[in-house]
């Protein structure tokens, strides 16, 4: 986290744990605000890998799951990076900013993902770097988010997964009422103060709750190499291209798409217990082994935790899933905001 930005957030009563803001003094009030109000959250717990060079686009095209060559200067996309076995090593929100292709991902996996991607640059005209501290990134979400972003940034993209640059930085619209802002550090405090006139500051766990309820997964260290992209619905949210050329794991990803019905899918659920990424799930129809895994989890406004979880489709739709043990606390499925393929 940028030191000057850290000092500013602390002056705003931020309680920090590492690079993540946990809350601003009243976590319960922040969760309540997120349920039906407009919020602003710092994203320093996430990292950004930036690639630059004449062959940056073609290099990323050969490494990631989505069609980077089709990414226009004013567009954004969800994307993934797989092992040769087709298992996700990380997933990203990708946008272009100046000469850079920016990949935002969970901060705890940035070093390993950057190191692995850099191994394959070889003689390509491209350079990759950790650009996390080159900008301040905020997210604004809620019914008044567009108005708040317009007031603070002076510009607002007209459609989801579009970007627009203004004097105060770049705005990425990731949903009807959700915006990611990439701001030069010297402009960040002014933008924050303007946003606060409309939006309630919240900690990272509150934004995690909003993101996972939008059905957007985030691969973290505890879940690396556990899921093919379709298991976490990455193709449903537009993060996989089946028309582009080869990339690591592409044959397995394609086989999962076209040969037979996918046996595991990601579901949204609520559980009246604390949950964390990597926690195992169990069901009565499969004895002695886990039927699923928690992808992401966050405290819910009314208590308990909401989770994104990958599970056997048959088990999730015909049985009750239990957290951590066959007699653990039961999960209650919730509807995702998008339809899953039949």
Protein backbone atom coordinates (compact mmCIF):
# COMPACT_ATOMS: atom_id res chain seq x y z
CA UNK A 1 0.00 0.00 0.00
CA UNK A 2 1.22 3.49 -0.84
CA UNK A 3 2.47 5.02 2.42
CA UNK A 4 0.86 8.43 1.89
CA UNK A 5 -2.47 6.75 1.06
CA UNK A 6 -2.19 4.53 4.11
CA UNK A 7 -1.69 7.61 6.28
CA UNK A 8 -4.71 9.25 4.70
CA UNK A 9 -6.94 6.23 5.25
CA UNK A 10 -5.88 6.07 8.88
CA UNK A 11 -6.89 9.73 9.22
CA UNK A 12 -10.32 8.57 8.01
CA UNK A 13 -10.49 6.06 10.91
CA UNK A 14 -9.57 3.04 8.78
CA UNK A 15 -8.62 -0.10 10.72
CA UNK A 16 -5.95 -1.81 8.64
CA UNK A 17 -4.76 -5.40 8.59
CA UNK A 18 -1.87 -5.67 6.19
CA UNK A 19 -2.97 -3.92 3.00
CA UNK A 20 -6.68 -4.46 3.68
CA UNK A 21 -9.03 -2.01 5.36
CA UNK A 22 -11.15 -4.07 7.75
CA UNK A 23 -13.59 -1.32 8.70
CA UNK A 24 -13.96 2.34 9.63
CA UNK A 25 -15.11 1.84 13.21
CA UNK A 26 -18.54 0.24 12.79
CA UNK A 27 -18.55 -2.95 10.68
CA UNK A 28 -22.24 -3.65 11.33
CA UNK A 29 -23.26 -0.21 10.06
CA UNK A 30 -21.04 -0.66 6.99
CA UNK A 31 -22.67 -4.00 6.14
CA UNK A 32 -26.10 -2.45 6.58
CA UNK A 33 -25.14 0.42 4.26
CA UNK A 34 -24.00 -2.04 1.59
CA UNK A 35 -27.33 -3.89 1.66
CA UNK A 36 -29.32 -1.01 0.16
CA UNK A 37 -27.07 2.07 0.03
CA UNK A 38 -24.05 3.37 -1.85
CA UNK A 39 -20.55 2.50 -0.64
CA UNK A 40 -16.92 3.27 -1.44
CA UNK A 41 -14.09 0.87 -0.61
CA UNK A 42 -10.32 0.92 -0.97
CA UNK A 43 -8.89 -1.94 -3.05
CA UNK A 44 -5.30 -1.97 -1.77
CA UNK A 45 -5.74 -5.62 -0.76
CA UNK A 46 -5.81 -6.38 -4.49
CA UNK A 47 -2.75 -6.17 -6.69
CA UNK A 48 -2.18 -5.02 -10.26
CA UNK A 49 0.19 -6.62 -12.73
CA UNK A 50 0.95 -4.36 -15.70
CA UNK A 51 2.34 -5.49 -19.05
CA UNK A 52 3.81 -3.07 -21.56
CA UNK A 53 5.57 -3.43 -24.88
CA UNK A 54 5.00 -3.91 -28.61
CA UNK A 55 4.04 -7.55 -28.08
CA UNK A 56 2.14 -7.22 -24.80
CA UNK A 57 -1.24 -8.03 -26.33
CA UNK A 58 -0.02 -11.05 -28.29
CA UNK A 59 1.90 -12.34 -25.27
CA UNK A 60 -1.17 -12.16 -23.02
CA UNK A 61 -3.29 -13.65 -25.81
CA UNK A 62 -1.15 -16.78 -25.59
CA UNK A 63 -1.39 -17.01 -21.79
CA UNK A 64 -4.89 -16.02 -20.66
CA UNK A 65 -8.35 -17.50 -21.14
CA UNK A 66 -9.99 -14.49 -22.80
CA UNK A 67 -9.42 -12.74 -26.12
CA UNK A 68 -6.97 -10.00 -25.18
CA UNK A 69 -6.45 -9.01 -28.82
CA UNK A 70 -10.09 -7.91 -28.94
CA UNK A 71 -9.77 -5.72 -25.84
CA UNK A 72 -10.27 -2.16 -27.07
CA UNK A 73 -8.69 0.81 -25.34
CA UNK A 74 -12.04 1.76 -23.75
CA UNK A 75 -13.06 -1.75 -22.66
CA UNK A 76 -12.48 -4.15 -19.77
CA UNK A 77 -12.85 -7.90 -19.43
CA UNK A 78 -12.81 -10.72 -16.91
CA UNK A 79 -9.99 -13.16 -17.56
CA UNK A 80 -8.15 -16.14 -16.12
CA UNK A 81 -4.73 -17.80 -16.09
CA UNK A 82 -4.54 -21.59 -16.01
CA UNK A 83 -1.98 -24.26 -15.32
CA UNK A 84 -1.29 -26.78 -18.09
CA UNK A 85 -3.94 -28.96 -16.40
CA UNK A 86 -6.55 -26.26 -16.98
CA UNK A 87 -6.79 -25.24 -13.31
CA UNK A 88 -6.97 -21.56 -12.46
CA UNK A 89 -3.80 -20.03 -11.03
CA UNK A 90 -5.55 -16.66 -10.85
CA UNK A 91 -8.33 -14.57 -12.33
CA UNK A 92 -8.41 -10.90 -13.20
CA UNK A 93 -10.27 -7.77 -14.09
CA UNK A 94 -8.31 -6.54 -17.13
CA UNK A 95 -8.28 -3.04 -18.57
CA UNK A 96 -5.98 -0.86 -20.67
CA UNK A 97 -4.49 2.29 -19.19
CA UNK A 98 -2.08 4.27 -21.33
CA UNK A 99 0.52 1.84 -22.66
CA UNK A 100 -0.30 -0.81 -20.07
CA UNK A 101 -2.52 -3.86 -19.95
CA UNK A 102 -3.53 -3.94 -16.27
CA UNK A 103 -4.51 -7.20 -14.54
CA UNK A 104 -6.14 -6.73 -11.12
CA UNK A 105 -6.08 -9.83 -8.92
CA UNK A 106 -5.95 -10.99 -5.31
CA UNK A 107 -2.84 -9.50 -3.71
CA UNK A 108 -1.80 -12.75 -2.02
CA UNK A 109 -1.19 -14.49 -5.35
CA UNK A 110 0.37 -11.61 -7.28
CA UNK A 111 4.03 -12.60 -6.71
CA UNK A 112 3.52 -16.19 -7.88
CA UNK A 113 1.39 -15.23 -10.89
CA UNK A 114 3.79 -12.48 -12.00
CA UNK A 115 6.78 -14.79 -11.60
CA UNK A 116 5.13 -17.55 -13.61
CA UNK A 117 3.94 -15.28 -16.41
CA UNK A 118 7.38 -13.62 -16.60
CA UNK A 119 8.99 -17.03 -17.15
CA UNK A 120 7.26 -17.26 -20.53
CA UNK A 121 8.14 -13.81 -21.88
CA UNK A 122 11.45 -15.15 -23.28
CA UNK A 123 12.34 -12.89 -26.24
CA UNK A 124 8.96 -11.24 -26.61
CA UNK A 125 8.94 -7.44 -26.64
CA UNK A 126 7.02 -7.11 -23.38
CA UNK A 127 7.79 -6.28 -19.76
CA UNK A 128 5.68 -7.23 -16.75
CA UNK A 129 5.79 -5.50 -13.37
CA UNK A 130 3.98 -5.17 -10.07
CA UNK A 131 2.10 -1.89 -10.56
CA UNK A 132 0.04 -2.12 -7.36
CA UNK A 133 1.50 1.02 -5.80
CA UNK A 134 1.41 3.13 -8.95
CA UNK A 135 -2.25 4.04 -8.42
CA UNK A 136 -4.94 4.14 -5.77
CA UNK A 137 -7.87 1.92 -6.66
CA UNK A 138 -11.35 2.36 -5.25
CA UNK A 139 -14.67 0.67 -5.88
CA UNK A 140 -18.00 2.46 -5.70
CA UNK A 141 -21.24 0.50 -5.67
CA UNK A 142 -24.92 1.10 -5.04
CA UNK A 143 -27.93 3.00 -6.38
CA UNK A 144 -26.15 6.38 -6.32
CA UNK A 145 -22.81 5.05 -7.53
CA UNK A 146 -22.98 6.53 -11.03
CA UNK A 147 -23.82 9.99 -9.70
CA UNK A 148 -21.06 9.77 -7.08
CA UNK A 149 -18.47 8.69 -9.66
CA UNK A 150 -19.57 11.45 -12.04
CA UNK A 151 -19.13 14.05 -9.32
CA UNK A 152 -15.71 12.75 -8.26
CA UNK A 153 -14.19 11.73 -11.61
CA UNK A 154 -16.07 13.93 -14.08
CA UNK A 155 -16.76 10.97 -16.38
CA UNK A 156 -18.81 7.74 -16.30
CA UNK A 157 -18.75 4.87 -18.84
CA UNK A 158 -22.15 4.34 -20.43
CA UNK A 159 -22.12 0.54 -20.33
CA UNK A 160 -20.77 -2.33 -18.24
CA UNK A 161 -17.22 -3.52 -18.99
CA UNK A 162 -16.36 -0.18 -20.57
CA UNK A 163 -13.76 2.32 -19.38
CA UNK A 164 -13.28 6.04 -19.70
CA UNK A 165 -10.40 8.30 -18.70
CA UNK A 166 -10.82 11.69 -17.05
CA UNK A 167 -8.56 14.23 -15.41
CA UNK A 168 -8.83 12.40 -12.07
CA UNK A 169 -8.04 8.94 -13.45
CA UNK A 170 -9.65 5.95 -15.11
CA UNK A 171 -13.17 4.64 -14.47
CA UNK A 172 -14.02 0.97 -15.16
CA UNK A 173 -17.72 0.12 -15.07
CA UNK A 174 -18.03 -3.50 -13.91
CA UNK A 175 -21.81 -3.56 -13.55
CA UNK A 176 -24.93 -1.44 -13.69
CA UNK A 177 -24.11 0.07 -10.31
CA UNK A 178 -20.47 -0.90 -9.70
CA UNK A 179 -17.34 1.06 -10.69
CA UNK A 180 -13.60 0.50 -10.18
CA UNK A 181 -11.50 3.68 -10.16
CA UNK A 182 -7.76 3.84 -10.88
CA UNK A 183 -6.47 7.17 -9.60
CA UNK A 184 -3.03 8.85 -9.45
CA UNK A 185 -1.99 8.90 -5.77
CA UNK A 186 -1.85 12.71 -5.65
CA UNK A 187 -5.52 12.92 -6.71
CA UNK A 188 -6.88 10.13 -4.49
CA UNK A 189 -7.69 12.10 -1.32
CA UNK A 190 -9.72 14.69 -3.25
CA UNK A 191 -11.65 11.97 -5.09
CA UNK A 192 -12.30 10.18 -1.81
CA UNK A 193 -13.68 13.26 -0.12
CA UNK A 194 -16.05 13.91 -3.00
CA UNK A 195 -17.24 10.30 -3.00
CA UNK A 196 -17.87 10.45 0.74
CA UNK A 197 -20.53 13.06 0.19
CA UNK A 198 -22.69 10.31 -1.32
CA UNK A 199 -21.08 6.98 -0.44
CA UNK A 200 -20.40 5.29 2.92
CA UNK A 201 -16.78 4.12 3.36
CA UNK A 202 -16.62 0.37 4.01
CA UNK A 203 -13.90 -2.18 4.60
CA UNK A 204 -12.72 -4.92 2.26
CA UNK A 205 -15.01 -7.61 3.78
CA UNK A 206 -18.06 -5.55 2.82
CA UNK A 207 -16.89 -5.19 -0.77
CA UNK A 208 -16.15 -8.94 -0.80
CA UNK A 209 -19.79 -9.53 0.18
CA UNK A 210 -21.08 -7.33 -2.64
CA UNK A 211 -18.74 -8.90 -5.20
CA UNK A 212 -19.56 -12.49 -4.32
CA UNK A 213 -23.30 -11.74 -4.32
CA UNK A 214 -22.78 -10.51 -7.88
CA UNK A 215 -21.45 -14.01 -8.64
CA UNK A 216 -17.91 -12.81 -9.38
CA UNK A 217 -15.28 -15.24 -8.04
CA UNK A 218 -11.77 -14.36 -6.93
CA UNK A 219 -9.05 -16.99 -6.84
CA UNK A 220 -6.86 -16.64 -3.74
CA UNK A 221 -3.87 -18.58 -2.44
CA UNK A 222 -6.11 -21.15 -0.72
CA UNK A 223 -7.90 -22.02 -3.96
CA UNK A 224 -5.18 -21.85 -6.62
CA UNK A 225 -5.14 -24.82 -9.03
CA UNK A 226 -8.44 -26.22 -7.73
CA UNK A 227 -10.92 -25.22 -10.44
CA UNK A 228 -11.19 -25.20 -14.19
CA UNK A 229 -12.68 -21.84 -15.31
CA UNK A 230 -16.20 -23.21 -15.88
CA UNK A 231 -16.38 -24.52 -12.31
CA UNK A 232 -16.33 -20.91 -11.05
CA UNK A 233 -18.67 -19.73 -13.85
CA UNK A 234 -15.89 -17.73 -15.50
CA UNK A 235 -17.29 -18.41 -18.97
CA UNK A 236 -20.78 -17.32 -17.84
CA UNK A 237 -19.53 -13.86 -16.83
CA UNK A 238 -17.57 -13.51 -20.09
CA UNK A 239 -14.09 -14.49 -18.90
CA UNK A 240 -13.35 -17.28 -21.41
CA UNK A 241 -13.13 -17.15 -25.20
CA UNK A 242 -13.66 -20.42 -27.05
CA UNK A 243 -12.74 -18.91 -30.42
CA UNK A 244 -9.22 -17.67 -29.63
CA UNK A 245 -6.00 -19.62 -30.06
CA UNK A 246 -4.09 -21.77 -27.62
CA UNK A 247 -3.12 -20.91 -24.04
CA UNK A 248 -2.00 -23.08 -21.09
CA UNK A 249 -4.75 -25.59 -20.25
CA UNK A 250 -6.85 -24.63 -23.31
CA UNK A 251 -7.53 -28.20 -24.42
CA UNK A 252 -8.87 -29.16 -21.00
CA UNK A 253 -10.99 -26.00 -20.76
CA UNK A 254 -12.44 -26.71 -24.22
CA UNK A 255 -13.08 -30.35 -23.36
CA UNK A 256 -14.93 -29.28 -20.21
CA UNK A 257 -17.11 -27.05 -22.37
CA UNK A 258 -17.98 -29.41 -25.19
CA UNK A 259 -17.68 -33.00 -23.93
CA UNK A 260 -20.45 -33.93 -21.52
CA UNK A 261 -22.17 -31.99 -18.77
CA UNK A 262 -20.02 -30.17 -16.21
CA UNK A 263 -20.21 -32.05 -12.92
CA UNK A 264 -19.12 -29.16 -10.68
CA UNK A 265 -20.42 -25.61 -10.64
CA UNK A 266 -20.21 -22.53 -8.43
CA UNK A 267 -23.24 -21.69 -6.30
CA UNK A 268 -24.15 -18.80 -4.03
CA UNK A 269 -25.19 -19.75 -0.51
CA UNK A 270 -25.64 -18.54 3.06
CA UNK A 271 -24.40 -20.29 6.19
CA UNK A 272 -24.89 -19.38 9.84
CA UNK A 273 -21.22 -19.93 10.64
CA UNK A 274 -17.86 -18.44 9.79
CA UNK A 275 -16.48 -19.64 6.47
CA UNK A 276 -13.27 -19.06 4.52
CA UNK A 277 -11.87 -19.83 1.04
CA UNK A 278 -10.70 -23.42 0.84
CA UNK A 279 -13.15 -24.77 3.43
CA UNK A 280 -14.54 -28.15 2.40
CA UNK A 281 -18.22 -28.95 1.93
CA UNK A 282 -19.92 -32.30 2.51
CA UNK A 283 -23.23 -33.94 1.61
CA UNK A 284 -25.00 -37.16 2.55
CA UNK A 285 -24.77 -38.66 -0.94
CA UNK A 286 -20.96 -38.73 -0.94
CA UNK A 287 -19.55 -40.44 2.14
CA UNK A 288 -16.01 -39.95 3.32
CA UNK A 289 -14.96 -37.21 0.93
CA UNK A 290 -15.75 -33.59 0.25
CA UNK A 291 -18.37 -32.68 -2.34
CA UNK A 292 -17.27 -29.07 -2.70
CA UNK A 293 -15.05 -26.16 -1.71
CA UNK A 294 -15.66 -22.59 -0.59
CA UNK A 295 -14.30 -20.15 -3.19
CA UNK A 296 -15.01 -16.87 -1.37
CA UNK A 297 -16.78 -15.93 1.86
CA UNK A 298 -17.80 -12.72 3.61
CA UNK A 299 -19.93 -11.70 6.61
CA UNK A 300 -23.55 -11.00 5.62
CA UNK A 301 -25.44 -7.91 6.86
CA UNK A 302 -28.03 -9.95 8.78
CA UNK A 303 -25.46 -12.31 10.33
CA UNK A 304 -23.69 -15.46 9.26
CA UNK A 305 -21.65 -15.64 6.06
CA UNK A 306 -22.48 -15.61 2.37
CA UNK A 307 -20.27 -17.82 0.23
CA UNK A 308 -19.48 -18.71 -3.33
CA UNK A 309 -18.87 -22.45 -3.37
CA UNK A 310 -17.98 -24.98 -6.05
CA UNK A 311 -19.80 -28.26 -5.51
CA UNK A 312 -21.00 -31.35 -7.31
CA UNK A 313 -24.08 -30.15 -9.18
CA UNK A 314 -26.04 -33.27 -8.24
CA UNK A 315 -25.20 -32.85 -4.57
CA UNK A 316 -25.92 -29.13 -4.49
CA UNK A 317 -29.29 -29.49 -6.20
CA UNK A 318 -30.59 -32.64 -4.49
CA UNK A 319 -28.84 -32.68 -1.10
CA UNK A 320 -28.00 -30.28 1.71
CA UNK A 321 -24.40 -29.08 1.75
CA UNK A 322 -22.64 -28.87 5.11
CA UNK A 323 -19.62 -26.76 6.05
CA UNK A 324 -16.38 -28.47 7.07
CA UNK A 325 -17.96 -31.80 8.09
CA UNK A 326 -20.84 -34.10 7.18
CA UNK A 327 -22.62 -32.90 10.33
CA UNK A 328 -21.46 -29.29 9.98
CA UNK A 329 -23.66 -26.24 9.67
CA UNK A 330 -25.97 -26.47 6.64
CA UNK A 331 -25.73 -24.13 3.68
CA UNK A 332 -28.84 -22.53 2.21
CA UNK A 333 -28.54 -21.89 -1.53
CA UNK A 334 -29.35 -18.42 -2.87
CA UNK A 335 -30.09 -17.47 -6.49
CA UNK A 336 -27.17 -16.20 -8.54
CA UNK A 337 -27.76 -12.97 -10.48
CA UNK A 338 -27.21 -14.86 -13.75
CA UNK A 339 -28.44 -18.15 -15.19
CA UNK A 340 -26.16 -21.18 -15.34
CA UNK A 341 -26.06 -23.29 -18.51
CA UNK A 342 -28.30 -26.34 -18.53
